[in-house]
């Protein structure tokens, strides 16, 4: 999951911080505020199968490029969190720890996290027994125990440590 955000500089940009520094309720409020304040955002995701076929870095770069491509209007300049940038026809700057340095990167991290969490909560009812509503798909003890008990779903990256070598027959 990746997101891209164009912030309206005439609006109050305080409160947009790294999504990991916000509680789920604070992220939801910030996400709603993005829309209410007229900021522009887009998100994109790639499948577990694509991650397995390419690798996590390539898939992440593809998701970033897709999210930027979905922005309307098209941005003039793109800031990306981290040391690498996706292939774009726009001017791109990488900012290590960008979510702590840039309100737009922080806002994008909020959009990506809220969208991902919403999708995972919906998937919880489709794949009962995994506890997705609780761990949101992260590699927690609870999740790994469910994987050993139930085997992987089509959502799981087969290249992920803890899933590697499993089949749906375990």
Foldseek 3Di string as FASTA:
>chain_A
DWKFKADDVVDDLPLLAAPVVDDPVSLVVLLVVCVVRPIWMFFFADALVVCLVPNPVVRVLVRHQVNQVPTPPRDQEEEAEDDDHHDDPHHYDYDDSVRHVDSRNSNRNSVVVNVLLVVQVVCCVVPPPQPCNPVVPDPDPSNLVSCVVQNDDSRDNCPDPSNPPTDRVD
